[in-house]
Amino acid sequence: MNPLLRGWMNYFSLTQSRRPIEELDFWLRRRLRSIVWRQWKRPRTREAKLRAHGLDAQRAWKSSVNGRGPW
């Protein structure tokens, strides 16, 4: 992934606007979060992983059982 990101950064570094880079960064982070969320298949696992990343218990549980999906 690093060579791909470096290539995009070099391509967009020639522009005056930072917007394409920011949009790419936003999309990429969202996509990676979606992949990780799908790997944590059960709500119990999602809650445990979110708590391990520093979320409080109530917020972790609410996030783990929401029906909105990974995206």
N, C-alpha and C. Protein backbone atom coordinates (compact mmCIF):
# COMPACT_ATOMS: atom_id res chain seq x y z
N MET A 1 0.81 -1.18 0.00
CA MET A 1 0.00 0.00 0.00
C MET A 1 0.86 1.26 0.00
N ASN A 2 2.00 1.23 0.66
CA ASN A 2 2.85 2.41 0.71
C ASN A 2 3.31 2.89 -0.67
N PRO A 3 3.76 2.00 -1.58
CA PRO A 3 4.14 2.49 -2.90
C PRO A 3 2.99 3.15 -3.63
N LEU A 4 1.80 2.60 -3.47
CA LEU A 4 0.63 3.19 -4.13
C LEU A 4 0.34 4.58 -3.58
N LEU A 5 0.38 4.71 -2.27
CA LEU A 5 0.12 6.02 -1.66
C LEU A 5 1.19 7.03 -2.00
N ARG A 6 2.43 6.57 -2.04
CA ARG A 6 3.51 7.49 -2.42
C ARG A 6 3.32 7.98 -3.85
N GLY A 7 2.89 7.08 -4.73
CA GLY A 7 2.64 7.48 -6.11
C GLY A 7 1.54 8.52 -6.21
N TRP A 8 0.46 8.31 -5.49
CA TRP A 8 -0.65 9.29 -5.50
C TRP A 8 -0.19 10.63 -4.92
N MET A 9 0.57 10.58 -3.85
CA MET A 9 1.04 11.82 -3.23
C MET A 9 1.96 12.58 -4.18
N ASN A 10 2.83 11.87 -4.87
CA ASN A 10 3.72 12.53 -5.82
C ASN A 10 2.94 13.11 -6.99
N TYR A 11 1.92 12.42 -7.44
CA TYR A 11 1.11 12.90 -8.55
C TYR A 11 0.35 14.17 -8.16
N PHE A 12 -0.27 14.14 -6.99
CA PHE A 12 -1.09 15.27 -6.58
C PHE A 12 -0.28 16.39 -5.93
N SER A 13 1.00 16.17 -5.64
CA SER A 13 1.80 17.22 -5.03
C SER A 13 2.09 18.35 -6.01
N LEU A 14 1.92 18.10 -7.30
CA LEU A 14 2.17 19.13 -8.29
C LEU A 14 1.03 20.14 -8.39
N THR A 15 -0.12 19.84 -7.83
CA THR A 15 -1.26 20.74 -7.91
C THR A 15 -1.18 21.80 -6.83
N GLN A 16 -1.90 22.87 -7.03
CA GLN A 16 -1.96 23.95 -6.04
C GLN A 16 -2.95 23.62 -4.93
N SER A 17 -3.90 22.75 -5.23
CA SER A 17 -4.98 22.45 -4.28
C SER A 17 -4.66 21.18 -3.50
N ARG A 18 -4.98 21.20 -2.23
CA ARG A 18 -4.78 20.01 -1.40
C ARG A 18 -6.04 19.16 -1.38
N ARG A 19 -7.12 19.62 -1.98
CA ARG A 19 -8.39 18.92 -1.90
C ARG A 19 -8.34 17.49 -2.44
N PRO A 20 -7.74 17.24 -3.60
CA PRO A 20 -7.69 15.83 -4.07
C PRO A 20 -6.99 14.91 -3.09
N ILE A 21 -5.93 15.40 -2.45
CA ILE A 21 -5.21 14.59 -1.48
C ILE A 21 -6.08 14.32 -0.27
N GLU A 22 -6.78 15.36 0.20
CA GLU A 22 -7.64 15.20 1.37
C GLU A 22 -8.80 14.25 1.07
N GLU A 23 -9.38 14.35 -0.12
CA GLU A 23 -10.48 13.45 -0.49
C GLU A 23 -9.99 12.01 -0.60
N LEU A 24 -8.81 11.81 -1.16
CA LEU A 24 -8.25 10.47 -1.25
C LEU A 24 -7.96 9.91 0.13
N ASP A 25 -7.42 10.75 1.00
CA ASP A 25 -7.14 10.33 2.37
C ASP A 25 -8.43 9.96 3.09
N PHE A 26 -9.47 10.77 2.94
CA PHE A 26 -10.77 10.50 3.56
C PHE A 26 -11.33 9.16 3.09
N TRP A 27 -11.31 8.93 1.77
CA TRP A 27 -11.86 7.70 1.22
C TRP A 27 -11.05 6.49 1.67
N LEU A 28 -9.74 6.61 1.65
CA LEU A 28 -8.87 5.49 2.01
C LEU A 28 -9.04 5.10 3.48
N ARG A 29 -9.09 6.07 4.36
CA ARG A 29 -9.29 5.77 5.78
C ARG A 29 -10.65 5.12 6.01
N ARG A 30 -11.66 5.60 5.33
CA ARG A 30 -13.00 5.03 5.47
C ARG A 30 -13.03 3.60 4.97
N ARG A 31 -12.36 3.35 3.86
CA ARG A 31 -12.31 2.00 3.30
C ARG A 31 -11.58 1.04 4.25
N LEU A 32 -10.47 1.48 4.81
CA LEU A 32 -9.73 0.63 5.75
C LEU A 32 -10.55 0.35 7.01
N ARG A 33 -11.26 1.36 7.53
CA ARG A 33 -12.13 1.13 8.69
C ARG A 33 -13.22 0.14 8.36
N SER A 34 -13.75 0.22 7.14
CA SER A 34 -14.80 -0.71 6.71
C SER A 34 -14.28 -2.14 6.67
N ILE A 35 -13.08 -2.33 6.18
CA ILE A 35 -12.48 -3.67 6.10
C ILE A 35 -12.26 -4.23 7.50
N VAL A 36 -11.73 -3.42 8.39
CA VAL A 36 -11.49 -3.88 9.76
C VAL A 36 -12.82 -4.19 10.44
N TRP A 37 -13.83 -3.37 10.23
CA TRP A 37 -15.15 -3.58 10.85
C TRP A 37 -15.75 -4.91 10.39
N ARG A 38 -15.57 -5.25 9.12
CA ARG A 38 -16.10 -6.52 8.62
C ARG A 38 -15.32 -7.71 9.16
N GLN A 39 -14.06 -7.52 9.49
CA GLN A 39 -13.29 -8.61 10.07
C GLN A 39 -13.75 -8.93 11.48
N TRP A 40 -14.23 -7.94 12.20
CA TRP A 40 -14.80 -8.16 13.53
C TRP A 40 -16.26 -8.51 13.34
N LYS A 41 -16.57 -9.77 13.13
CA LYS A 41 -17.89 -10.17 12.68
C LYS A 41 -18.98 -10.08 13.75
N ARG A 42 -18.66 -10.33 14.98
CA ARG A 42 -19.69 -10.37 16.02
C ARG A 42 -19.68 -9.10 16.86
N PRO A 43 -20.85 -8.70 17.34
CA PRO A 43 -20.90 -7.49 18.17
C PRO A 43 -20.01 -7.57 19.41
N ARG A 44 -19.90 -8.74 19.99
CA ARG A 44 -19.06 -8.89 21.18
C ARG A 44 -17.59 -8.62 20.84
N THR A 45 -17.16 -9.12 19.69
CA THR A 45 -15.78 -8.88 19.25
C THR A 45 -15.58 -7.40 18.96
N ARG A 46 -16.55 -6.79 18.27
CA ARG A 46 -16.45 -5.37 17.96
C ARG A 46 -16.35 -4.54 19.23
N GLU A 47 -17.17 -4.88 20.21
CA GLU A 47 -17.13 -4.14 21.47
C GLU A 47 -15.76 -4.28 22.14
N ALA A 48 -15.25 -5.49 22.20
CA ALA A 48 -13.95 -5.72 22.84
C ALA A 48 -12.83 -4.97 22.12
N LYS A 49 -12.84 -4.99 20.81
CA LYS A 49 -11.80 -4.31 20.04
C LYS A 49 -11.90 -2.80 20.20
N LEU A 50 -13.13 -2.27 20.19
CA LEU A 50 -13.31 -0.83 20.36
C LEU A 50 -12.87 -0.38 21.76
N ARG A 51 -13.17 -1.20 22.77
CA ARG A 51 -12.73 -0.87 24.12
C ARG A 51 -11.22 -0.93 24.23
N ALA A 52 -10.61 -1.88 23.51
CA ALA A 52 -9.14 -1.97 23.51
C ALA A 52 -8.51 -0.74 22.86
N HIS A 53 -9.25 -0.09 21.95
CA HIS A 53 -8.77 1.12 21.28
C HIS A 53 -9.11 2.39 22.06
N GLY A 54 -9.73 2.24 23.25
CA GLY A 54 -9.91 3.39 24.12
C GLY A 54 -11.32 3.93 24.25
N LEU A 55 -12.32 3.31 23.65
CA LEU A 55 -13.69 3.78 23.80
C LEU A 55 -14.25 3.31 25.13
N ASP A 56 -15.14 4.12 25.72
CA ASP A 56 -15.76 3.68 26.97
C ASP A 56 -16.77 2.57 26.67
N ALA A 57 -17.19 1.84 27.69
CA ALA A 57 -18.00 0.63 27.52
C ALA A 57 -19.33 0.90 26.84
N GLN A 58 -20.02 1.96 27.26
CA GLN A 58 -21.34 2.25 26.69
C GLN A 58 -21.24 2.64 25.22
N ARG A 59 -20.32 3.49 24.89
CA ARG A 59 -20.15 3.92 23.49
C ARG A 59 -19.70 2.75 22.61
N ALA A 60 -18.84 1.90 23.13
CA ALA A 60 -18.38 0.74 22.37
C ALA A 60 -19.54 -0.21 22.08
N TRP A 61 -20.40 -0.44 23.06
CA TRP A 61 -21.53 -1.34 22.84
C TRP A 61 -22.50 -0.75 21.83
N LYS A 62 -22.82 0.55 21.97
CA LYS A 62 -23.74 1.18 21.02
C LYS A 62 -23.20 1.12 19.60
N SER A 63 -21.93 1.34 19.46
CA SER A 63 -21.31 1.31 18.13
C SER A 63 -21.28 -0.10 17.57
N SER A 64 -21.10 -1.09 18.43
CA SER A 64 -20.95 -2.46 17.94
C SER A 64 -22.27 -3.06 17.47
N VAL A 65 -23.40 -2.59 17.99
CA VAL A 65 -24.68 -3.17 17.61
C VAL A 65 -25.51 -2.27 16.69
N ASN A 66 -24.93 -1.17 16.19
CA ASN A 66 -25.73 -0.32 15.30
C ASN A 66 -25.99 -1.05 13.98
N GLY A 67 -27.05 -0.72 13.33
CA GLY A 67 -27.43 -1.42 12.11
C GLY A 67 -27.04 -0.72 10.83
N ARG A 68 -26.15 0.24 10.92
CA ARG A 68 -25.81 1.04 9.75
C ARG A 68 -24.80 0.37 8.82
N GLY A 69 -24.10 -0.60 9.30
CA GLY A 69 -23.12 -1.28 8.47
C GLY A 69 -21.76 -0.62 8.54
N PRO A 70 -20.79 -1.18 7.84
CA PRO A 70 -19.42 -0.70 7.96
C PRO A 70 -19.13 0.61 7.24
N TRP A 71 -19.84 0.95 6.20
CA TRP A 71 -19.51 2.14 5.44
C TRP A 71 -20.16 3.36 6.04
